[in-house]
Amino acid sequence: MKPSARALLARYATLEAEMRSWWKTNWHEISQYVLANYDDIYDTQVQGQKKNHSKIYDTTAYQSLKLLASGLHSMLSNPSIPFFGLTTGIEELDSDEEVRDWLQKATNSMHSILNGSNFQTEIHETYVGLTGFGTAVAFIEEDKKNKVRLNTQPIYHCVIDENPEGIVDTIGHSFKWELRKIIKKFGIESLPPKFKDSTLNSSRLSEVLTVVHMVYPREDIRLFDDGAPLPGPKNMAFASVYILKDDGHILEESGYHEFPALVPRWMKLPGEKLGRSPTMDAMPDIKMANVMSRINIEAAQLSVRPPLQREDDGVNQIINYTPGAINLTRPGSKGISPINTGVNPQIGEKLLAAVHERIKQHYYLNQLQLAQNNPQMTATEVLQRTDESLRIMAPVLSRLHNELLKPLVDRLFGIMLRNNLLPPKIPSKLKDIDIQVQYSSMIARAQKAVNAETVTRVLGLMGGLIQMKPDILDNLNVDETFLYISEISGLPQKLLNGRSDTKKIREGRAEVAKQQAQMEQAQVAADVAQKSSKATA
């Protein structure tokens, strides 16, 4: 029993038609004015072909896009610091020493696997596609060597579909491969009969074929499959089918335990599946900047090399503009003189600077570089500006947490669990517990730092009251306050003692103090007895 290749290709064609209607027009415009290297929107790229930069006179948008993509990479998935952790979502269970220790070790193992793969190089391309086209696609595949492998694809080579909750659960990907690559991945037995006869020789191995890869929920099997699901890979939560597009031949049918693709969207309008990017919002200013830059270049040329005039003496002499050249004129003529056009390039540059500033605002550069603008700012001022900036970026960051980081961690955790890559001896207390993601990226920490600043500010205001009435501290749970500030400040858990260890330390200290007090009391009693005996003697 096989999935219906015809139905899957029809679904792919329907989703592709939705994209071609308007989205590819927008993406093509972005490639013309900003991302010239992504000019194969309509599948017309030839390898090694020179990219078309003919419409780009101003690169402010491209530079701003790169800064935003790099900023997101640094703040959301920085390789030098853990950008996520694991939690049960139950405070009492998280505080259990055995559970806490295992969650910390599992987090460290997951970060180690990610940093040992191609994740950090590929995720940057994901951020570029996201900020440029509004929707990015990255497949997370299992890899024998590096455990996991990230494969970024441009959205214009993919199609997506959502479930009723607005979550992407279906993706199609079209690509062109040489026949030899298809044989290497799927095996020669997977090919249709026409490739298995004597005509399959070395000359045909370079033949290029179009392959469509469809991934969809297995529950949709009633719509696209000719029967009940089979056990094994063909009964996983998500079906995976590779099809030769031209002849509708299925090369491979398998499946995934988790949805294998990360499909973050920058922002999404109601009723739309694909995302809209800051580049789309900035496009009017981007076009204006290109026009103004071209005009400013022309104005500068008029200032440096103005048009010339001379008397009509009936001689057609070509004027030589080479520095130090000699141009002959007739005796008595006024010679060659420039025509003053009155152009003022400085005015154009001033107007262009305002357009550049608006473009940078679309890419949140003021929010990403707030600390660099004024190094004399106090810590309080930096926190206040950080709070304001994060409020502006909060909707985007929340969507990236839900559509990029959470699916990434879920998929990675599943792969490591099935391949016995997680720390051994999973605590029995975690049985039937849904482990959740806890973000600790630089942006997440900056958001939490605002809360930490609130606590420290309140404690600072209480300083005078505490001196006047020390027992006011009885209203404060000091232990919980310390743990709260250390958590939101990103203090590594391995630096903290568990609650049971802290309890033992305090009990030991109290026992020592008790023994010392008893010794002091015994010494005082002995001294009193000695003095009494001397007095009665």
Protein backbone atom coordinates (compact mmCIF):
# COMPACT_ATOMS: atom_id res chain seq x y z
CA MET A 1 0.00 0.00 0.00
CA LYS A 2 1.50 3.29 -1.15
CA PRO A 3 0.51 6.92 -0.68
CA SER A 4 -1.22 8.40 -3.69
CA ALA A 5 1.56 10.19 -5.57
CA ARG A 6 -0.99 11.86 -7.80
CA ALA A 7 -2.88 13.33 -4.82
CA LEU A 8 0.34 14.51 -3.16
CA LEU A 9 1.59 16.19 -6.33
CA ALA A 10 -1.82 17.81 -6.77
CA ARG A 11 -1.65 19.17 -3.24
CA TYR A 12 1.88 20.43 -3.87
CA ALA A 13 0.69 22.16 -7.06
CA THR A 14 -2.22 23.80 -5.22
CA LEU A 15 0.02 25.16 -2.45
CA GLU A 16 2.58 26.32 -5.01
CA ALA A 17 -0.12 28.17 -6.95
CA GLU A 18 -1.03 30.07 -3.78
CA MET A 19 2.57 31.19 -3.44
CA ARG A 20 3.01 32.12 -7.08
CA SER A 21 -0.03 34.39 -7.02
CA TRP A 22 1.57 37.22 -5.03
CA TRP A 23 4.33 36.01 -2.77
CA LYS A 24 6.87 35.24 -5.46
CA THR A 25 6.36 38.74 -6.87
CA ASN A 26 7.25 40.21 -3.47
CA TRP A 27 10.23 37.90 -3.04
CA HIS A 28 11.52 38.67 -6.53
CA GLU A 29 11.37 42.40 -5.75
CA ILE A 30 13.35 41.81 -2.55
CA SER A 31 16.01 39.90 -4.51
CA GLN A 32 16.28 42.76 -6.99
CA TYR A 33 16.74 45.54 -4.41
CA VAL A 34 18.27 43.83 -1.36
CA LEU A 35 19.28 40.14 -1.62
CA ALA A 36 20.74 39.90 -5.10
CA ASN A 37 22.27 36.49 -4.35
CA TYR A 38 18.75 35.05 -3.99
CA ASP A 39 17.70 35.77 -7.55
CA ASP A 40 16.45 32.26 -8.45
CA ILE A 41 12.88 32.92 -7.27
CA TYR A 42 11.48 31.68 -10.58
CA ASP A 43 13.93 28.78 -10.84
CA THR A 44 15.97 30.39 -13.62
CA GLN A 45 19.35 30.41 -11.93
CA VAL A 46 22.34 28.88 -13.70
CA GLN A 47 25.25 27.78 -11.53
CA GLY A 48 28.08 30.27 -11.70
CA GLN A 49 25.87 32.88 -13.36
CA LYS A 50 26.63 36.49 -12.46
CA LYS A 51 24.09 37.94 -10.04
CA ASN A 52 21.99 40.90 -11.14
CA HIS A 53 22.81 44.04 -9.14
CA SER A 54 21.55 46.48 -11.77
CA LYS A 55 18.82 47.97 -9.55
CA ILE A 56 20.95 48.33 -6.41
CA TYR A 57 22.47 51.80 -5.99
CA ASP A 58 22.18 51.86 -2.21
CA THR A 59 23.19 48.98 0.10
CA THR A 60 21.82 50.37 3.39
CA ALA A 61 18.98 47.81 3.45
CA TYR A 62 21.34 44.90 2.79
CA GLN A 63 23.78 46.02 5.49
CA SER A 64 20.90 46.57 7.95
CA LEU A 65 19.46 43.14 7.15
CA LYS A 66 22.83 41.49 7.82
CA LEU A 67 23.14 43.32 11.13
CA LEU A 68 19.64 42.25 12.19
CA ALA A 69 20.29 38.62 11.19
CA SER A 70 23.62 38.63 13.06
CA GLY A 71 21.97 40.26 16.07
CA LEU A 72 19.27 37.61 16.21
CA HIS A 73 21.91 34.89 15.86
CA SER A 74 23.88 36.35 18.74
CA MET A 75 20.92 37.04 21.01
CA LEU A 76 18.73 33.99 20.32
CA SER A 77 21.18 31.15 19.60
CA ASN A 78 24.62 32.30 20.67
CA PRO A 79 27.07 29.34 20.55
CA SER A 80 29.15 30.68 23.46
CA ILE A 81 26.33 30.59 26.04
CA PRO A 82 23.46 28.15 26.65
CA PHE A 83 20.38 29.65 25.00
CA PHE A 84 17.84 27.20 26.40
CA GLY A 85 17.30 24.91 29.35
CA LEU A 86 14.89 22.18 30.36
CA THR A 87 12.23 22.33 33.05
CA THR A 88 9.32 20.23 34.22
CA GLY A 89 7.22 23.33 34.78
CA ILE A 90 6.67 22.14 38.36
CA GLU A 91 8.63 24.21 40.88
CA GLU A 92 8.83 21.52 43.56
CA LEU A 93 10.01 18.93 41.04
CA ASP A 94 12.57 21.28 39.48
CA SER A 95 14.03 21.90 42.94
CA ASP A 96 14.58 18.17 43.51
CA GLU A 97 18.33 17.61 43.48
CA GLU A 98 18.27 14.46 41.33
CA VAL A 99 15.87 15.97 38.77
CA ARG A 100 17.72 19.28 38.65
CA ASP A 101 21.07 17.56 38.12
CA TRP A 102 19.71 15.38 35.28
CA LEU A 103 18.00 18.31 33.53
CA GLN A 104 21.23 20.32 33.70
CA LYS A 105 23.29 17.45 32.25
CA ALA A 106 20.70 16.87 29.50
CA THR A 107 20.81 20.57 28.60
CA ASN A 108 24.61 20.50 28.41
CA SER A 109 24.52 17.40 26.18
CA MET A 110 22.01 19.00 23.82
CA HIS A 111 24.09 22.16 23.48
CA SER A 112 27.18 20.06 22.85
CA ILE A 113 25.42 18.14 20.05
CA LEU A 114 24.19 21.36 18.44
CA ASN A 115 27.58 23.10 18.57
CA GLY A 116 29.26 19.99 17.16
CA SER A 117 26.97 19.99 14.13
CA ASN A 118 26.51 22.50 11.33
CA PHE A 119 23.78 24.27 13.31
CA GLN A 120 25.61 27.54 13.96
CA THR A 121 26.54 28.05 10.30
CA GLU A 122 23.16 27.09 8.87
CA ILE A 123 21.01 28.94 11.43
CA HIS A 124 22.50 32.25 10.26
CA GLU A 125 21.16 31.56 6.77
CA THR A 126 17.79 30.90 8.41
CA TYR A 127 17.87 34.35 10.02
CA VAL A 128 18.81 35.96 6.69
CA GLY A 129 15.88 34.28 4.95
CA LEU A 130 13.57 35.22 7.81
CA THR A 131 14.45 38.93 7.85
CA GLY A 132 14.51 39.08 4.06
CA PHE A 133 11.50 37.05 2.93
CA GLY A 134 9.47 36.85 6.15
CA THR A 135 9.46 33.03 6.27
CA ALA A 136 12.42 30.69 6.67
CA VAL A 137 12.71 26.92 6.35
CA ALA A 138 15.31 24.63 7.95
CA PHE A 139 15.10 20.82 8.09
CA ILE A 140 16.58 19.01 11.11
CA GLU A 141 17.73 15.58 10.00
CA GLU A 142 19.47 12.78 11.88
CA ASP A 143 23.13 12.41 10.94
CA LYS A 144 25.32 9.38 11.62
CA LYS A 145 28.47 11.44 12.08
CA ASN A 146 27.34 14.61 13.87
CA LYS A 147 24.05 13.21 15.27
CA VAL A 148 22.00 16.06 13.75
CA ARG A 149 22.25 18.16 10.61
CA LEU A 150 20.48 21.40 9.73
CA ASN A 151 19.54 21.94 6.09
CA THR A 152 18.34 25.46 5.26
CA GLN A 153 16.10 25.92 2.22
CA PRO A 154 14.80 29.17 0.69
CA ILE A 155 11.07 29.54 1.18
CA TYR A 156 10.50 30.05 -2.55
CA HIS A 157 11.52 26.42 -3.15
CA CYS A 158 9.04 25.17 -0.55
CA VAL A 159 5.31 25.14 0.13
CA ILE A 160 3.69 25.03 3.56
CA ASP A 161 0.28 24.43 5.11
CA GLU A 162 -1.15 24.97 8.60
CA ASN A 163 -3.40 23.00 10.90
CA PRO A 164 -6.53 24.64 12.40
CA GLU A 165 -4.42 26.06 15.25
CA GLY A 166 -2.23 28.00 12.80
CA ILE A 167 0.80 25.73 13.32
CA VAL A 168 2.74 24.64 10.24
CA ASP A 169 2.41 20.86 10.00
CA THR A 170 2.83 20.25 6.26
CA ILE A 171 5.75 21.15 4.03
CA GLY A 172 6.72 20.37 0.46
CA HIS A 173 10.17 20.87 -0.98
CA SER A 174 11.14 20.73 -4.65
CA PHE A 175 14.74 20.28 -5.75
CA LYS A 176 16.73 19.17 -8.79
CA TRP A 177 19.26 16.35 -8.47
CA GLU A 178 21.48 14.45 -10.83
CA LEU A 179 20.49 10.82 -11.28
CA ARG A 180 23.69 9.62 -9.56
CA LYS A 181 22.77 11.53 -6.38
CA ILE A 182 19.28 10.04 -6.42
CA ILE A 183 20.75 6.54 -6.74
CA LYS A 184 23.19 7.22 -3.90
CA LYS A 185 20.45 8.38 -1.52
CA PHE A 186 17.55 6.09 -2.41
CA GLY A 187 19.24 3.13 -4.13
CA ILE A 188 18.94 1.98 -7.74
CA GLU A 189 16.03 -0.31 -6.84
CA SER A 190 13.91 2.76 -6.02
CA LEU A 191 14.04 4.04 -9.62
CA PRO A 192 11.20 3.45 -12.12
CA PRO A 193 11.68 0.66 -14.70
CA LYS A 194 12.87 2.98 -17.45
CA PHE A 195 16.07 3.63 -15.48
CA LYS A 196 16.80 -0.01 -14.69
CA ASP A 197 17.32 -1.38 -18.19
CA SER A 198 20.42 -1.32 -20.32
CA THR A 199 19.94 2.39 -21.09
CA LEU A 200 21.17 3.28 -17.61
CA ASN A 201 24.79 4.05 -18.39
CA SER A 202 27.35 6.58 -17.27
CA SER A 203 26.06 9.23 -19.67
CA ARG A 204 22.64 9.21 -18.00
CA LEU A 205 24.02 9.56 -14.48
CA SER A 206 24.36 13.32 -15.00
CA GLU A 207 20.72 13.64 -16.08
CA VAL A 208 18.90 16.13 -13.83
CA LEU A 209 15.51 15.17 -12.38
CA THR A 210 13.05 17.14 -10.25
CA VAL A 211 12.17 15.56 -6.90
CA VAL A 212 9.29 16.62 -4.65
CA HIS A 213 9.53 15.86 -0.93
CA MET A 214 6.23 16.01 0.97
CA VAL A 215 5.96 15.84 4.77
CA TYR A 216 2.49 15.80 6.31
CA PRO A 217 0.69 14.47 9.41
CA ARG A 218 0.01 10.76 9.26
CA GLU A 219 -3.58 11.49 10.28
CA ASP A 220 -4.05 12.89 6.77
CA ILE A 221 -3.51 9.38 5.43
CA ARG A 222 -7.24 9.05 4.72
CA LEU A 223 -6.88 11.90 2.23
CA PHE A 224 -3.69 10.93 0.42
CA ASP A 225 -2.99 7.24 1.06
CA ASP A 226 -4.54 4.14 -0.46
CA GLY A 227 -5.11 2.19 2.75
CA ALA A 228 -4.20 1.86 6.41
CA PRO A 229 -0.75 2.90 7.70
CA LEU A 230 1.94 0.26 7.95
CA PRO A 231 4.08 -0.41 11.04
CA GLY A 232 7.59 1.02 11.48
CA PRO A 233 8.70 4.23 9.74
CA LYS A 234 5.48 4.20 7.75
CA ASN A 235 3.45 4.57 10.93
CA MET A 236 5.25 7.54 12.48
CA ALA A 237 3.47 10.77 13.39
CA PHE A 238 4.51 12.47 10.14
CA ALA A 239 4.71 10.84 6.71
CA SER A 240 7.68 11.53 4.43
CA VAL A 241 7.35 10.82 0.70
CA TYR A 242 9.88 11.52 -2.09
CA ILE A 243 8.35 11.61 -5.60
CA LEU A 244 9.80 12.07 -9.08
CA LYS A 245 7.79 15.04 -10.28
CA ASP A 246 7.76 14.21 -13.99
CA ASP A 247 6.49 10.62 -13.80
CA GLY A 248 4.87 10.54 -10.36
CA HIS A 249 7.07 7.65 -9.19
CA ILE A 250 7.56 7.31 -5.42
CA LEU A 251 11.25 6.97 -4.59
CA GLU A 252 10.86 6.50 -0.85
CA GLU A 253 8.16 6.46 1.80
CA SER A 254 9.16 6.82 5.44
CA GLY A 255 8.31 9.08 8.34
CA TYR A 256 9.33 11.31 11.24
CA HIS A 257 8.49 11.11 14.93
CA GLU A 258 8.44 14.94 15.10
CA PHE A 259 7.80 17.54 12.45
CA PRO A 260 11.30 17.85 10.95
CA ALA A 261 11.15 21.44 9.68
CA LEU A 262 11.59 24.75 11.46
CA VAL A 263 9.34 27.30 9.76
CA PRO A 264 9.61 30.61 11.65
CA ARG A 265 7.66 33.59 10.35
CA TRP A 266 8.59 37.18 11.17
CA MET A 267 5.00 38.39 11.42
CA LYS A 268 1.80 37.02 9.96
CA LEU A 269 -1.43 38.71 8.94
CA PRO A 270 -4.76 37.02 9.73
CA GLY A 271 -5.73 34.57 6.99
CA GLU A 272 -2.20 34.29 5.61
CA LYS A 273 0.12 31.29 5.98
CA LEU A 274 3.40 32.93 5.03
CA GLY A 275 5.17 35.63 6.98
CA ARG A 276 5.92 39.23 6.16
CA SER A 277 9.38 40.62 6.77
CA PRO A 278 10.86 43.98 7.83
CA THR A 279 12.27 44.16 4.31
CA MET A 280 8.73 44.17 2.91
CA ASP A 281 7.79 46.98 5.30
CA ALA A 282 10.88 48.96 4.34
CA MET A 283 10.52 48.44 0.57
CA PRO A 284 9.09 51.94 -0.21
CA ASP A 285 12.05 53.56 1.55
CA ILE A 286 14.46 51.05 -0.03
CA LYS A 287 13.24 51.98 -3.52
CA MET A 288 13.41 55.67 -2.67
CA ALA A 289 16.96 55.32 -1.35
CA ASN A 290 18.02 53.62 -4.58
CA VAL A 291 16.49 56.37 -6.72
CA MET A 292 17.96 59.12 -4.55
CA SER A 293 21.39 57.48 -4.55
CA ARG A 294 21.35 57.31 -8.33
CA ILE A 295 20.32 60.99 -8.54
CA ASN A 296 23.00 61.98 -6.03
CA ILE A 297 25.60 60.19 -8.12
CA GLU A 298 24.43 62.12 -11.17
CA ALA A 299 24.52 65.38 -9.18
CA ALA A 300 28.05 64.64 -8.00
CA GLN A 301 29.06 63.92 -11.57
CA LEU A 302 27.61 67.27 -12.67
CA SER A 303 29.64 69.00 -9.93
CA VAL A 304 32.90 67.19 -10.64
CA ARG A 305 32.51 66.96 -14.40
CA PRO A 306 29.98 69.60 -15.49
CA PRO A 307 28.80 70.02 -19.09
CA LEU A 308 30.96 72.40 -21.11
CA GLN A 309 30.20 75.17 -23.57
CA ARG A 310 32.18 76.94 -26.29
CA GLU A 311 31.56 79.18 -29.23
CA ASP A 312 30.42 77.58 -32.46
CA ASP A 313 33.44 78.14 -34.67
CA GLY A 314 32.41 75.63 -37.28
CA VAL A 315 35.01 73.10 -36.19
CA ASN A 316 33.97 69.77 -34.72
CA GLN A 317 36.70 69.12 -32.22
CA ILE A 318 36.28 66.38 -29.60
CA ILE A 319 37.07 67.75 -26.17
CA ASN A 320 39.75 65.78 -24.34
CA TYR A 321 38.82 65.36 -20.63
CA THR A 322 42.09 63.67 -19.67
CA PRO A 323 43.87 65.50 -16.80
CA GLY A 324 46.62 67.71 -18.26
CA ALA A 325 45.25 67.41 -21.80
CA ILE A 326 45.47 70.36 -24.23
CA ASN A 327 42.38 71.44 -26.16
CA LEU A 328 42.98 73.93 -28.99
CA THR A 329 40.64 76.89 -29.58
CA ARG A 330 40.57 79.57 -32.31
CA PRO A 331 42.19 82.93 -31.60
CA GLY A 332 39.69 85.41 -30.16
CA SER A 333 37.23 82.78 -28.95
CA LYS A 334 36.11 82.64 -25.32
CA GLY A 335 37.51 79.15 -25.03
CA ILE A 336 35.90 76.25 -23.23
CA SER A 337 33.92 76.97 -20.03
CA PRO A 338 31.72 74.87 -17.74
CA ILE A 339 27.95 75.32 -17.57
CA ASN A 340 26.82 76.06 -14.01
CA THR A 341 23.80 73.81 -13.42
CA GLY A 342 23.29 74.93 -9.81
CA VAL A 343 23.21 71.40 -8.45
CA ASN A 344 23.89 70.94 -4.73
CA PRO A 345 24.72 67.30 -3.86
CA GLN A 346 24.73 68.16 -0.12
CA ILE A 347 20.95 68.65 -0.16
CA GLY A 348 20.43 65.22 -1.67
CA GLU A 349 22.77 63.63 0.85
CA LYS A 350 20.86 65.21 3.73
CA LEU A 351 17.53 63.93 2.43
CA LEU A 352 19.05 60.49 1.78
CA ALA A 353 20.36 60.31 5.37
CA ALA A 354 16.78 60.66 6.65
CA VAL A 355 15.66 57.79 4.38
CA HIS A 356 18.58 55.67 5.62
CA GLU A 357 17.47 56.28 9.20
CA ARG A 358 13.94 55.09 8.44
CA ILE A 359 15.32 51.94 6.80
CA LYS A 360 17.43 51.19 9.88
CA GLN A 361 14.37 51.63 12.09
CA HIS A 362 12.56 48.95 10.09
CA TYR A 363 15.40 46.57 10.96
CA TYR A 364 15.39 47.45 14.70
CA LEU A 365 18.99 48.63 14.60
CA ASN A 366 18.34 51.23 17.30
CA GLN A 367 17.07 48.46 19.58
CA LEU A 368 19.97 46.13 18.81
CA GLN A 369 22.66 48.81 19.25
CA LEU A 370 21.18 50.87 22.06
CA ALA A 371 24.16 50.47 24.40
CA GLN A 372 26.62 51.56 21.72
CA ASN A 373 24.85 54.86 21.08
CA ASN A 374 25.81 56.37 24.43
CA PRO A 375 28.55 54.64 26.43
CA GLN A 376 28.05 57.21 29.22
CA MET A 377 24.61 55.81 30.08
CA THR A 378 24.17 54.53 33.62
CA ALA A 379 23.15 50.92 34.29
CA THR A 380 19.65 52.09 35.18
CA GLU A 381 19.33 54.01 31.90
CA VAL A 382 20.51 50.96 29.93
CA LEU A 383 17.92 48.76 31.66
CA GLN A 384 15.17 51.29 31.00
CA ARG A 385 16.07 51.53 27.32
CA THR A 386 16.40 47.75 27.12
CA ASP A 387 12.91 47.41 28.58
CA GLU A 388 11.50 49.86 26.03
CA SER A 389 13.31 48.14 23.14
CA LEU A 390 12.21 44.66 24.13
CA ARG A 391 8.62 45.81 24.36
CA ILE A 392 8.86 46.89 20.73
CA MET A 393 10.40 43.57 19.65
CA ALA A 394 8.30 41.39 22.00
CA PRO A 395 5.78 40.16 19.37
CA VAL A 396 8.55 39.08 17.00
CA LEU A 397 10.61 37.43 19.74
CA SER A 398 7.60 35.53 21.09
CA ARG A 399 6.86 34.15 17.63
CA LEU A 400 10.51 33.10 17.16
CA HIS A 401 10.49 31.33 20.52
CA ASN A 402 7.37 29.39 19.52
CA GLU A 403 8.15 28.71 15.85
CA LEU A 404 11.94 28.39 15.87
CA LEU A 405 13.49 27.56 19.25
CA LYS A 406 10.77 25.34 20.74
CA PRO A 407 10.45 23.05 17.66
CA LEU A 408 14.26 22.94 17.49
CA VAL A 409 14.61 21.74 21.10
CA ASP A 410 11.70 19.30 20.82
CA ARG A 411 13.14 17.73 17.68
CA LEU A 412 16.67 17.60 19.12
CA PHE A 413 15.45 16.05 22.38
CA GLY A 414 13.52 13.37 20.48
CA ILE A 415 16.51 12.47 18.29
CA MET A 416 18.85 12.23 21.30
CA LEU A 417 16.34 10.22 23.33
CA ARG A 418 15.90 7.60 20.58
CA ASN A 419 19.65 7.33 20.02
CA ASN A 420 20.56 7.05 23.73
CA LEU A 421 22.48 10.33 23.66
CA LEU A 422 20.90 11.78 26.80
CA PRO A 423 22.47 11.24 30.25
CA PRO A 424 21.68 7.78 31.65
CA LYS A 425 19.59 7.04 34.73
CA ILE A 426 16.63 9.26 33.94
CA PRO A 427 14.98 9.96 37.32
CA SER A 428 11.84 7.95 37.90
CA LYS A 429 10.14 11.16 39.01
CA LEU A 430 10.25 12.34 35.38
CA LYS A 431 8.09 9.45 34.19
CA ASP A 432 5.00 10.75 32.38
CA ILE A 433 6.24 14.33 32.89
CA ASP A 434 6.19 16.66 29.87
CA ILE A 435 9.60 18.33 29.85
CA GLN A 436 9.39 21.93 28.69
CA VAL A 437 11.81 24.45 27.18
CA GLN A 438 13.13 27.31 29.27
CA TYR A 439 14.83 30.04 27.22
CA SER A 440 18.07 31.56 28.49
CA SER A 441 19.27 33.41 25.41
CA MET A 442 20.68 36.93 25.68
CA ILE A 443 17.31 38.41 24.73
CA ALA A 444 15.47 36.20 27.23
CA ARG A 445 17.96 37.21 29.91
CA ALA A 446 17.57 40.88 29.02
CA GLN A 447 13.81 40.52 29.40
CA LYS A 448 14.26 38.85 32.78
CA ALA A 449 16.88 41.41 33.83
CA VAL A 450 14.13 44.02 33.95
CA ASN A 451 12.45 41.93 36.69
CA ALA A 452 15.76 41.52 38.51
CA GLU A 453 16.28 45.27 38.40
CA THR A 454 12.84 45.74 39.96
CA VAL A 455 13.78 43.47 42.88
CA THR A 456 17.14 45.14 43.47
CA ARG A 457 15.53 48.59 43.24
CA VAL A 458 12.95 47.65 45.90
CA LEU A 459 15.69 46.23 48.12
CA GLY A 460 17.68 49.44 47.68
CA LEU A 461 14.69 51.55 48.70
CA MET A 462 14.24 49.33 51.76
CA GLY A 463 17.80 49.98 52.97
CA GLY A 464 16.87 52.98 55.12
CA LEU A 465 13.82 51.23 56.58
CA ILE A 466 15.86 48.15 57.47
CA GLN A 467 18.31 50.28 59.46
CA MET A 468 15.45 51.91 61.35
CA LYS A 469 13.53 48.65 61.90
CA PRO A 470 15.56 45.49 61.13
CA ASP A 471 12.64 43.15 61.77
CA ILE A 472 11.01 44.45 58.57
CA LEU A 473 13.05 41.74 56.81
CA ASP A 474 10.70 39.20 58.36
CA ASN A 475 8.36 40.07 55.46
CA LEU A 476 10.93 38.89 52.92
CA ASN A 477 11.71 35.29 51.97
CA VAL A 478 15.45 35.82 51.55
CA ASP A 479 16.16 32.34 50.18
CA GLU A 480 13.51 32.59 47.48
CA THR A 481 14.64 36.13 46.61
CA PHE A 482 18.21 34.95 46.12
CA LEU A 483 17.16 31.96 43.98
CA TYR A 484 14.85 34.15 41.90
CA ILE A 485 17.54 36.75 41.13
CA SER A 486 20.16 34.07 40.38
CA GLU A 487 17.75 32.26 38.02
CA ILE A 488 16.71 35.28 35.97
CA SER A 489 20.32 36.50 35.90
CA GLY A 490 21.43 33.23 34.27
CA LEU A 491 23.63 31.92 37.10
CA PRO A 492 24.61 28.31 36.20
CA GLN A 493 22.75 25.81 38.36
CA LYS A 494 25.91 23.81 39.04
CA LEU A 495 27.22 26.74 41.09
CA LEU A 496 24.29 26.48 43.51
CA ASN A 497 23.75 23.97 46.26
CA GLY A 498 20.52 22.02 46.21
CA ARG A 499 17.88 22.80 48.81
CA SER A 500 18.73 19.60 50.67
CA ASP A 501 22.45 20.50 50.68
CA THR A 502 21.65 23.99 51.94
CA LYS A 503 19.48 22.49 54.68
CA LYS A 504 22.29 20.12 55.74
CA ILE A 505 24.83 22.98 55.83
CA ARG A 506 22.54 25.06 58.01
CA GLU A 507 21.73 22.13 60.27
CA GLY A 508 25.47 21.47 60.67
CA ARG A 509 26.14 25.13 61.43
CA ALA A 510 23.29 25.15 63.96
CA GLU A 511 24.63 21.98 65.61
CA VAL A 512 28.12 23.50 65.91
CA ALA A 513 26.62 26.67 67.37
CA LYS A 514 24.54 24.60 69.80
CA GLN A 515 27.56 22.61 70.93
CA GLN A 516 29.58 25.80 71.33
CA ALA A 517 26.77 27.35 73.38
CA GLN A 518 26.61 24.25 75.57
CA MET A 519 30.38 24.37 76.08
CA GLU A 520 30.17 28.04 77.02
CA GLN A 521 27.34 27.34 79.45
CA ALA A 522 29.30 24.46 80.98
CA GLN A 523 32.34 26.73 81.31
CA VAL A 524 30.25 29.42 82.97
CA ALA A 525 28.74 26.85 85.35
CA ALA A 526 32.22 25.55 86.19
CA ASP A 527 33.48 29.07 86.86
CA VAL A 528 30.52 29.78 89.13
CA ALA A 529 31.03 26.51 91.01
CA GLN A 530 34.72 27.26 91.50
CA LYS A 531 34.02 30.74 92.82
CA SER A 532 31.34 29.38 95.19
CA SER A 533 33.71 26.77 96.61
CA LYS A 534 36.37 29.42 97.27
CA ALA A 535 33.82 31.64 99.03
CA THR A 536 32.70 28.89 101.40
CA ALA A 537 36.21 27.70 102.19
